[in-house]
Amino acid sequence: MAEVVFTSAARDQAAELPRAVMGRVGRLLERLKQWPVVSGAKPLTGKLAGRFRLRTGDYRVQFRVEGKTVIVEKIGHRDRFYGDQ
């Protein structure tokens, strides 16, 4: 069982999500506690190598894994998700 922690930026982004989306993202975060047995996690490439993403509808959760800790780095809409990396 993994510990899921947030960066301060991810915590702020989560606070700004619509309530219905936050419910779906919350379910993704619960799934992350079962790392590495998480279906749908996609490894990212390029500058984001070493990180993963999960999606729910049009929203994405970006995270990295350090030992038994899953660090959620970013939560957002797909339109603005990858552009500032």
PDB file of N, CA and C in Angstrom:
ATOM      1  N   MET A   1       0.850  -1.181   0.000  1.00  0.00           N
ATOM      2  CA  MET A   1       0.000   0.000   0.000  1.00  0.00           C
ATOM      3  C   MET A   1       0.895   1.243   0.000  1.00  0.00           C
ATOM      4  N   ALA A   2       0.621   2.153  -0.891  1.00  0.00           N
ATOM      5  CA  ALA A   2       1.427   3.364  -1.034  1.00  0.00           C
ATOM      6  C   ALA A   2       0.788   4.540  -0.291  1.00  0.00           C
ATOM      7  N   GLU A   3       1.626   5.468   0.104  1.00  0.00           N
ATOM      8  CA  GLU A   3       1.158   6.722   0.685  1.00  0.00           C
ATOM      9  C   GLU A   3       1.044   7.733  -0.454  1.00  0.00           C
ATOM     10  N   VAL A   4      -0.072   8.435  -0.529  1.00  0.00           N
ATOM     11  CA  VAL A   4      -0.291   9.446  -1.563  1.00  0.00           C
ATOM     12  C   VAL A   4      -0.156  10.819  -0.919  1.00  0.00           C
ATOM     13  N   VAL A   5       0.774  11.627  -1.463  1.00  0.00           N
ATOM     14  CA  VAL A   5       0.975  12.986  -0.964  1.00  0.00           C
ATOM     15  C   VAL A   5       0.859  13.965  -2.138  1.00  0.00           C
ATOM     16  N   PHE A   6       0.564  15.209  -1.815  1.00  0.00           N
ATOM     17  CA  PHE A   6       0.378  16.254  -2.823  1.00  0.00           C
ATOM     18  C   PHE A   6       1.480  17.293  -2.715  1.00  0.00           C
ATOM     19  N   THR A   7       1.879  17.845  -3.874  1.00  0.00           N
ATOM     20  CA  THR A   7       2.685  19.056  -3.842  1.00  0.00           C
ATOM     21  C   THR A   7       1.721  20.190  -3.507  1.00  0.00           C
ATOM     22  N   SER A   8       2.260  21.324  -3.096  1.00  0.00           N
ATOM     23  CA  SER A   8       1.379  22.456  -2.773  1.00  0.00           C
ATOM     24  C   SER A   8       0.622  22.919  -4.020  1.00  0.00           C
ATOM     25  N   ALA A   9       1.259  22.853  -5.190  1.00  0.00           N
ATOM     26  CA  ALA A   9       0.580  23.255  -6.430  1.00  0.00           C
ATOM     27  C   ALA A   9      -0.595  22.328  -6.724  1.00  0.00           C
ATOM     28  N   ALA A  10      -0.407  21.023  -6.556  1.00  0.00           N
ATOM     29  CA  ALA A  10      -1.488  20.065  -6.818  1.00  0.00           C
ATOM     30  C   ALA A  10      -2.635  20.265  -5.834  1.00  0.00           C
ATOM     31  N   ARG A  11      -2.314  20.576  -4.593  1.00  0.00           N
ATOM     32  CA  ARG A  11      -3.362  20.820  -3.591  1.00  0.00           C
ATOM     33  C   ARG A  11      -4.196  22.051  -3.990  1.00  0.00           C
ATOM     34  N   ASP A  12      -3.532  23.101  -4.454  1.00  0.00           N
ATOM     35  CA  ASP A  12      -4.244  24.302  -4.901  1.00  0.00           C
ATOM     36  C   ASP A  12      -5.101  24.008  -6.127  1.00  0.00           C
ATOM     37  N   GLN A  13      -4.558  23.235  -7.068  1.00  0.00           N
ATOM     38  CA  GLN A  13      -5.307  22.888  -8.280  1.00  0.00           C
ATOM     39  C   GLN A  13      -6.530  22.048  -7.933  1.00  0.00           C
ATOM     40  N   ALA A  14      -6.394  21.126  -6.991  1.00  0.00           N
ATOM     41  CA  ALA A  14      -7.526  20.291  -6.581  1.00  0.00           C
ATOM     42  C   ALA A  14      -8.632  21.139  -5.962  1.00  0.00           C
ATOM     43  N   ALA A  15      -8.248  22.151  -5.199  1.00  0.00           N
ATOM     44  CA  ALA A  15      -9.227  23.015  -4.541  1.00  0.00           C
ATOM     45  C   ALA A  15     -10.063  23.807  -5.542  1.00  0.00           C
ATOM     46  N   GLU A  16      -9.536  24.023  -6.741  1.00  0.00           N
ATOM     47  CA  GLU A  16     -10.239  24.806  -7.754  1.00  0.00           C
ATOM     48  C   GLU A  16     -11.110  23.964  -8.688  1.00  0.00           C
ATOM     49  N   LEU A  17     -11.077  22.638  -8.546  1.00  0.00           N
ATOM     50  CA  LEU A  17     -11.853  21.771  -9.434  1.00  0.00           C
ATOM     51  C   LEU A  17     -13.344  21.859  -9.126  1.00  0.00           C
ATOM     52  N   PRO A  18     -14.178  21.707 -10.154  1.00  0.00           N
ATOM     53  CA  PRO A  18     -15.623  21.605  -9.900  1.00  0.00           C
ATOM     54  C   PRO A  18     -15.906  20.394  -9.003  1.00  0.00           C
ATOM     55  N   ARG A  19     -16.940  20.474  -8.208  1.00  0.00           N
ATOM     56  CA  ARG A  19     -17.257  19.424  -7.228  1.00  0.00           C
ATOM     57  C   ARG A  19     -17.394  18.042  -7.869  1.00  0.00           C
ATOM     58  N   ALA A  20     -18.088  17.943  -9.001  1.00  0.00           N
ATOM     59  CA  ALA A  20     -18.280  16.643  -9.653  1.00  0.00           C
ATOM     60  C   ALA A  20     -16.949  16.052 -10.118  1.00  0.00           C
ATOM     61  N   VAL A  21     -16.087  16.898 -10.629  1.00  0.00           N
ATOM     62  CA  VAL A  21     -14.771  16.441 -11.093  1.00  0.00           C
ATOM     63  C   VAL A  21     -13.930  16.020  -9.898  1.00  0.00           C
ATOM     64  N   MET A  22     -13.993  16.750  -8.795  1.00  0.00           N
ATOM     65  CA  MET A  22     -13.209  16.395  -7.620  1.00  0.00           C
ATOM     66  C   MET A  22     -13.606  15.020  -7.107  1.00  0.00           C
ATOM     67  N   GLY A  23     -14.869  14.665  -7.207  1.00  0.00           N
ATOM     68  CA  GLY A  23     -15.295  13.324  -6.806  1.00  0.00           C
ATOM     69  C   GLY A  23     -14.609  12.251  -7.635  1.00  0.00           C
ATOM     70  N   ARG A  24     -14.545  12.474  -8.943  1.00  0.00           N
ATOM     71  CA  ARG A  24     -13.894  11.506  -9.839  1.00  0.00           C
ATOM     72  C   ARG A  24     -12.391  11.454  -9.575  1.00  0.00           C
ATOM     73  N   VAL A  25     -11.779  12.621  -9.376  1.00  0.00           N
ATOM     74  CA  VAL A  25     -10.347  12.671  -9.096  1.00  0.00           C
ATOM     75  C   VAL A  25     -10.072  11.984  -7.748  1.00  0.00           C
ATOM     76  N   GLY A  26     -10.938  12.169  -6.802  1.00  0.00           N
ATOM     77  CA  GLY A  26     -10.783  11.515  -5.499  1.00  0.00           C
ATOM     78  C   GLY A  26     -10.745  10.006  -5.624  1.00  0.00           C
ATOM     79  N   ARG A  27     -11.567   9.460  -6.505  1.00  0.00           N
ATOM     80  CA  ARG A  27     -11.549   8.012  -6.740  1.00  0.00           C
ATOM     81  C   ARG A  27     -10.232   7.574  -7.367  1.00  0.00           C
ATOM     82  N   LEU A  28      -9.662   8.414  -8.259  1.00  0.00           N
ATOM     83  CA  LEU A  28      -8.345   8.097  -8.828  1.00  0.00           C
ATOM     84  C   LEU A  28      -7.286   8.074  -7.731  1.00  0.00           C
ATOM     85  N   LEU A  29      -7.358   9.032  -6.840  1.00  0.00           N
ATOM     86  CA  LEU A  29      -6.369   9.122  -5.771  1.00  0.00           C
ATOM     87  C   LEU A  29      -6.463   7.915  -4.833  1.00  0.00           C
ATOM     88  N   GLU A  30      -7.667   7.432  -4.597  1.00  0.00           N
ATOM     89  CA  GLU A  30      -7.835   6.207  -3.801  1.00  0.00           C
ATOM     90  C   GLU A  30      -7.191   5.020  -4.501  1.00  0.00           C
ATOM     91  N   ARG A  31      -7.334   4.956  -5.828  1.00  0.00           N
ATOM     92  CA  ARG A  31      -6.703   3.876  -6.592  1.00  0.00           C
ATOM     93  C   ARG A  31      -5.185   3.943  -6.487  1.00  0.00           C
ATOM     94  N   LEU A  32      -4.632   5.150  -6.423  1.00  0.00           N
ATOM     95  CA  LEU A  32      -3.182   5.305  -6.353  1.00  0.00           C
ATOM     96  C   LEU A  32      -2.600   4.694  -5.075  1.00  0.00           C
ATOM     97  N   LYS A  33      -3.393   4.546  -4.040  1.00  0.00           N
ATOM     98  CA  LYS A  33      -2.907   3.913  -2.810  1.00  0.00           C
ATOM     99  C   LYS A  33      -2.528   2.461  -3.054  1.00  0.00           C
ATOM    100  N   GLN A  34      -3.014   1.878  -4.141  1.00  0.00           N
ATOM    101  CA  GLN A  34      -2.718   0.486  -4.471  1.00  0.00           C
ATOM    102  C   GLN A  34      -1.506   0.350  -5.387  1.00  0.00           C
ATOM    103  N   TRP A  35      -0.753   1.435  -5.600  1.00  0.00           N
ATOM    104  CA  TRP A  35       0.400   1.401  -6.500  1.00  0.00           C
ATOM    105  C   TRP A  35       1.313   0.254  -6.100  1.00  0.00           C
ATOM    106  N   PRO A  36       1.805  -0.532  -7.031  1.00  0.00           N
ATOM    107  CA  PRO A  36       1.849  -0.392  -8.484  1.00  0.00           C
ATOM    108  C   PRO A  36       0.714  -1.101  -9.212  1.00  0.00           C
ATOM    109  N   VAL A  37      -0.282  -1.616  -8.503  1.00  0.00           N
ATOM    110  CA  VAL A  37      -1.387  -2.318  -9.148  1.00  0.00           C
ATOM    111  C   VAL A  37      -2.488  -1.306  -9.472  1.00  0.00           C
ATOM    112  N   VAL A  38      -2.193  -0.396 -10.407  1.00  0.00           N
ATOM    113  CA  VAL A  38      -3.142   0.646 -10.797  1.00  0.00           C
ATOM    114  C   VAL A  38      -3.329   0.570 -12.298  1.00  0.00           C
ATOM    115  N   SER A  39      -4.546   0.269 -12.725  1.00  0.00           N
ATOM    116  CA  SER A  39      -4.800   0.201 -14.167  1.00  0.00           C
ATOM    117  C   SER A  39      -4.981   1.599 -14.733  1.00  0.00           C
ATOM    118  N   GLY A  40      -4.546   1.782 -15.966  1.00  0.00           N
ATOM    119  CA  GLY A  40      -4.747   3.041 -16.658  1.00  0.00           C
ATOM    120  C   GLY A  40      -3.658   4.073 -16.454  1.00  0.00           C
ATOM    121  N   ALA A  41      -2.655   3.782 -15.642  1.00  0.00           N
ATOM    122  CA  ALA A  41      -1.560   4.734 -15.440  1.00  0.00           C
ATOM    123  C   ALA A  41      -0.647   4.677 -16.656  1.00  0.00           C
ATOM    124  N   LYS A  42      -0.426   5.830 -17.266  1.00  0.00           N
ATOM    125  CA  LYS A  42       0.395   5.893 -18.475  1.00  0.00           C
ATOM    126  C   LYS A  42       1.712   6.587 -18.153  1.00  0.00           C
ATOM    127  N   PRO A  43       2.846   5.943 -18.472  1.00  0.00           N
ATOM    128  CA  PRO A  43       4.124   6.628 -18.269  1.00  0.00           C
ATOM    129  C   PRO A  43       4.279   7.764 -19.272  1.00  0.00           C
ATOM    130  N   LEU A  44       4.796   8.884 -18.815  1.00  0.00           N
ATOM    131  CA  LEU A  44       5.002  10.035 -19.683  1.00  0.00           C
ATOM    132  C   LEU A  44       6.414   9.986 -20.265  1.00  0.00           C
ATOM    133  N   THR A  45       6.626  10.720 -21.344  1.00  0.00           N
ATOM    134  CA  THR A  45       7.913  10.690 -22.045  1.00  0.00           C
ATOM    135  C   THR A  45       8.491  12.104 -22.160  1.00  0.00           C
ATOM    136  N   GLY A  46       9.663  12.192 -22.756  1.00  0.00           N
ATOM    137  CA  GLY A  46      10.302  13.490 -22.967  1.00  0.00           C
ATOM    138  C   GLY A  46      10.710  14.127 -21.661  1.00  0.00           C
ATOM    139  N   LYS A  47      10.411  15.416 -21.508  1.00  0.00           N
ATOM    140  CA  LYS A  47      10.766  16.152 -20.295  1.00  0.00           C
ATOM    141  C   LYS A  47      10.049  15.601 -19.062  1.00  0.00           C
ATOM    142  N   LEU A  48       8.966  14.866 -19.291  1.00  0.00           N
ATOM    143  CA  LEU A  48       8.186  14.333 -18.173  1.00  0.00           C
ATOM    144  C   LEU A  48       8.497  12.865 -17.885  1.00  0.00           C
ATOM    145  N   ALA A  49       9.565  12.346 -18.472  1.00  0.00           N
ATOM    146  CA  ALA A  49       9.946  10.953 -18.237  1.00  0.00           C
ATOM    147  C   ALA A  49      10.112  10.707 -16.744  1.00  0.00           C
ATOM    148  N   GLY A  50       9.678   9.549 -16.294  1.00  0.00           N
ATOM    149  CA  GLY A  50       9.731   9.218 -14.873  1.00  0.00           C
ATOM    150  C   GLY A  50       8.454   9.567 -14.139  1.00  0.00           C
ATOM    151  N   ARG A  51       7.536  10.200 -14.845  1.00  0.00           N
ATOM    152  CA  ARG A  51       6.245  10.554 -14.270  1.00  0.00           C
ATOM    153  C   ARG A  51       5.155   9.752 -14.979  1.00  0.00           C
ATOM    154  N   PHE A  52       3.977   9.739 -14.370  1.00  0.00           N
ATOM    155  CA  PHE A  52       2.837   9.016 -14.915  1.00  0.00           C
ATOM    156  C   PHE A  52       1.629   9.931 -14.920  1.00  0.00           C
ATOM    157  N   ARG A  53       0.589   9.505 -15.637  1.00  0.00           N
ATOM    158  CA  ARG A  53      -0.673  10.243 -15.585  1.00  0.00           C
ATOM    159  C   ARG A  53      -1.830   9.272 -15.571  1.00  0.00           C
ATOM    160  N   LEU A  54      -2.866   9.670 -14.883  1.00  0.00           N
ATOM    161  CA  LEU A  54      -4.156   8.994 -14.912  1.00  0.00           C
ATOM    162  C   LEU A  54      -5.155   9.994 -15.442  1.00  0.00           C
ATOM    163  N   ARG A  55      -6.191   9.500 -16.102  1.00  0.00           N
ATOM    164  CA  ARG A  55      -7.197  10.412 -16.627  1.00  0.00           C
ATOM    165  C   ARG A  55      -8.578  10.007 -16.149  1.00  0.00           C
ATOM    166  N   THR A  56      -9.428  11.002 -16.033  1.00  0.00           N
ATOM    167  CA  THR A  56     -10.844  10.793 -15.782  1.00  0.00           C
ATOM    168  C   THR A  56     -11.575  11.842 -16.608  1.00  0.00           C
ATOM    169  N   GLY A  57     -12.227  11.399 -17.658  1.00  0.00           N
ATOM    170  CA  GLY A  57     -12.868  12.339 -18.573  1.00  0.00           C
ATOM    171  C   GLY A  57     -11.835  13.257 -19.188  1.00  0.00           C
ATOM    172  N   ASP A  58     -12.046  14.555 -19.079  1.00  0.00           N
ATOM    173  CA  ASP A  58     -11.123  15.547 -19.647  1.00  0.00           C
ATOM    174  C   ASP A  58     -10.068  16.009 -18.650  1.00  0.00           C
ATOM    175  N   TYR A  59      -9.996  15.400 -17.486  1.00  0.00           N
ATOM    176  CA  TYR A  59      -9.055  15.817 -16.455  1.00  0.00           C
ATOM    177  C   TYR A  59      -7.939  14.796 -16.279  1.00  0.00           C
ATOM    178  N   ARG A  60      -6.775  15.291 -15.870  1.00  0.00           N
ATOM    179  CA  ARG A  60      -5.587  14.464 -15.716  1.00  0.00           C
ATOM    180  C   ARG A  60      -4.973  14.671 -14.337  1.00  0.00           C
ATOM    181  N   VAL A  61      -4.350  13.603 -13.831  1.00  0.00           N
ATOM    182  CA  VAL A  61      -3.575  13.657 -12.595  1.00  0.00           C
ATOM    183  C   VAL A  61      -2.166  13.189 -12.946  1.00  0.00           C
ATOM    184  N   GLN A  62      -1.185  14.037 -12.724  1.00  0.00           N
ATOM    185  CA  GLN A  62       0.218  13.697 -12.989  1.00  0.00           C
ATOM    186  C   GLN A  62       0.899  13.387 -11.659  1.00  0.00           C
ATOM    187  N   PHE A  63       1.672  12.301 -11.645  1.00  0.00           N
ATOM    188  CA  PHE A  63       2.342  11.911 -10.416  1.00  0.00           C
ATOM    189  C   PHE A  63       3.668  11.218 -10.713  1.00  0.00           C
ATOM    190  N   ARG A  64       4.484  11.117  -9.663  1.00  0.00           N
ATOM    191  CA  ARG A  64       5.722  10.341  -9.738  1.00  0.00           C
ATOM    192  C   ARG A  64       5.752   9.438  -8.509  1.00  0.00           C
ATOM    193  N   VAL A  65       6.579   8.420  -8.574  1.00  0.00           N
ATOM    194  CA  VAL A  65       6.662   7.451  -7.490  1.00  0.00           C
ATOM    195  C   VAL A  65       8.084   7.453  -6.941  1.00  0.00           C
ATOM    196  N   GLU A  66       8.179   7.567  -5.631  1.00  0.00           N
ATOM    197  CA  GLU A  66       9.466   7.476  -4.932  1.00  0.00           C
ATOM    198  C   GLU A  66       9.305   6.446  -3.829  1.00  0.00           C
ATOM    199  N   GLY A  67       9.828   5.261  -4.074  1.00  0.00           N
ATOM    200  CA  GLY A  67       9.684   4.178  -3.102  1.00  0.00           C
ATOM    201  C   GLY A  67       8.230   3.793  -2.951  1.00  0.00           C
ATOM    202  N   LYS A  68       7.713   3.906  -1.732  1.00  0.00           N
ATOM    203  CA  LYS A  68       6.302   3.584  -1.474  1.00  0.00           C
ATOM    204  C   LYS A  68       5.447   4.836  -1.368  1.00  0.00           C
ATOM    205  N   THR A  69       5.956   5.946  -1.897  1.00  0.00           N
ATOM    206  CA  THR A  69       5.222   7.205  -1.862  1.00  0.00           C
ATOM    207  C   THR A  69       4.865   7.634  -3.275  1.00  0.00           C
ATOM    208  N   VAL A  70       3.596   7.934  -3.489  1.00  0.00           N
ATOM    209  CA  VAL A  70       3.118   8.476  -4.760  1.00  0.00           C
ATOM    210  C   VAL A  70       2.934   9.969  -4.546  1.00  0.00           C
ATOM    211  N   ILE A  71       3.650  10.776  -5.337  1.00  0.00           N
ATOM    212  CA  ILE A  71       3.608  12.229  -5.186  1.00  0.00           C
ATOM    213  C   ILE A  71       2.796  12.819  -6.326  1.00  0.00           C
ATOM    214  N   VAL A  72       1.634  13.358  -6.009  1.00  0.00           N
ATOM    215  CA  VAL A  72       0.769  13.986  -7.002  1.00  0.00           C
ATOM    216  C   VAL A  72       1.307  15.389  -7.243  1.00  0.00           C
ATOM    217  N   GLU A  73       1.695  15.653  -8.497  1.00  0.00           N
ATOM    218  CA  GLU A  73       2.332  16.926  -8.841  1.00  0.00           C
ATOM    219  C   GLU A  73       1.386  17.921  -9.499  1.00  0.00           C
ATOM    220  N   LYS A  74       0.391  17.413 -10.204  1.00  0.00           N
ATOM    221  CA  LYS A  74      -0.442  18.313 -10.993  1.00  0.00           C
ATOM    222  C   LYS A  74      -1.807  17.671 -11.233  1.00  0.00           C
ATOM    223  N   ILE A  75      -2.855  18.495 -11.185  1.00  0.00           N
ATOM    224  CA  ILE A  75      -4.216  18.067 -11.481  1.00  0.00           C
ATOM    225  C   ILE A  75      -4.831  19.143 -12.354  1.00  0.00           C
ATOM    226  N   GLY A  76      -5.386  18.764 -13.510  1.00  0.00           N
ATOM    227  CA  GLY A  76      -5.982  19.793 -14.349  1.00  0.00           C
ATOM    228  C   GLY A  76      -6.691  19.272 -15.578  1.00  0.00           C
ATOM    229  N   HIS A  77      -7.301  20.202 -16.296  1.00  0.00           N
ATOM    230  CA  HIS A  77      -7.996  19.906 -17.542  1.00  0.00           C
ATOM    231  C   HIS A  77      -6.988  19.614 -18.639  1.00  0.00           C
ATOM    232  N   ARG A  78      -7.303  18.710 -19.517  1.00  0.00           N
ATOM    233  CA  ARG A  78      -6.350  18.283 -20.546  1.00  0.00           C
ATOM    234  C   ARG A  78      -5.921  19.411 -21.474  1.00  0.00           C
ATOM    235  N   ASP A  79      -6.764  20.418 -21.705  1.00  0.00           N
ATOM    236  CA  ASP A  79      -6.416  21.528 -22.597  1.00  0.00           C
ATOM    237  C   ASP A  79      -5.199  22.307 -22.117  1.00  0.00           C
ATOM    238  N   ARG A  80      -5.041  22.386 -20.811  1.00  0.00           N
ATOM    239  CA  ARG A  80      -3.957  23.188 -20.240  1.00  0.00           C
ATOM    240  C   ARG A  80      -2.969  22.334 -19.452  1.00  0.00           C
ATOM    241  N   PHE A  81      -3.038  21.053 -19.615  1.00  0.00           N
ATOM    242  CA  PHE A  81      -2.282  20.169 -18.729  1.00  0.00           C
ATOM    243  C   PHE A  81      -0.810  20.053 -19.077  1.00  0.00           C
ATOM    244  N   TYR A  82      -0.471  19.884 -20.339  1.00  0.00           N
ATOM    245  CA  TYR A  82       0.907  19.589 -20.702  1.00  0.00           C
ATOM    246  C   TYR A  82       1.672  20.817 -21.213  1.00  0.00           C
ATOM    247  N   GLY A  83       1.010  21.908 -21.516  1.00  0.00           N
ATOM    248  CA  GLY A  83       1.626  23.055 -22.166  1.00  0.00           C
ATOM    249  C   GLY A  83       2.717  23.753 -21.386  1.00  0.00           C
ATOM    250  N   ASP A  84       2.630  23.799 -20.052  1.00  0.00           N
ATOM    251  CA  ASP A  84       3.599  24.587 -19.280  1.00  0.00           C
ATOM    252  C   ASP A  84       4.728  23.748 -18.708  1.00  0.00           C
ATOM    253  N   GLN A  85       4.896  22.544 -19.179  1.00  0.00           N
ATOM    254  CA  GLN A  85       5.984  21.678 -18.690  1.00  0.00           C
ATOM    255  C   GLN A  85       7.230  21.895 -19.477  1.00  0.00           C
TER     256      GLN A  85
END
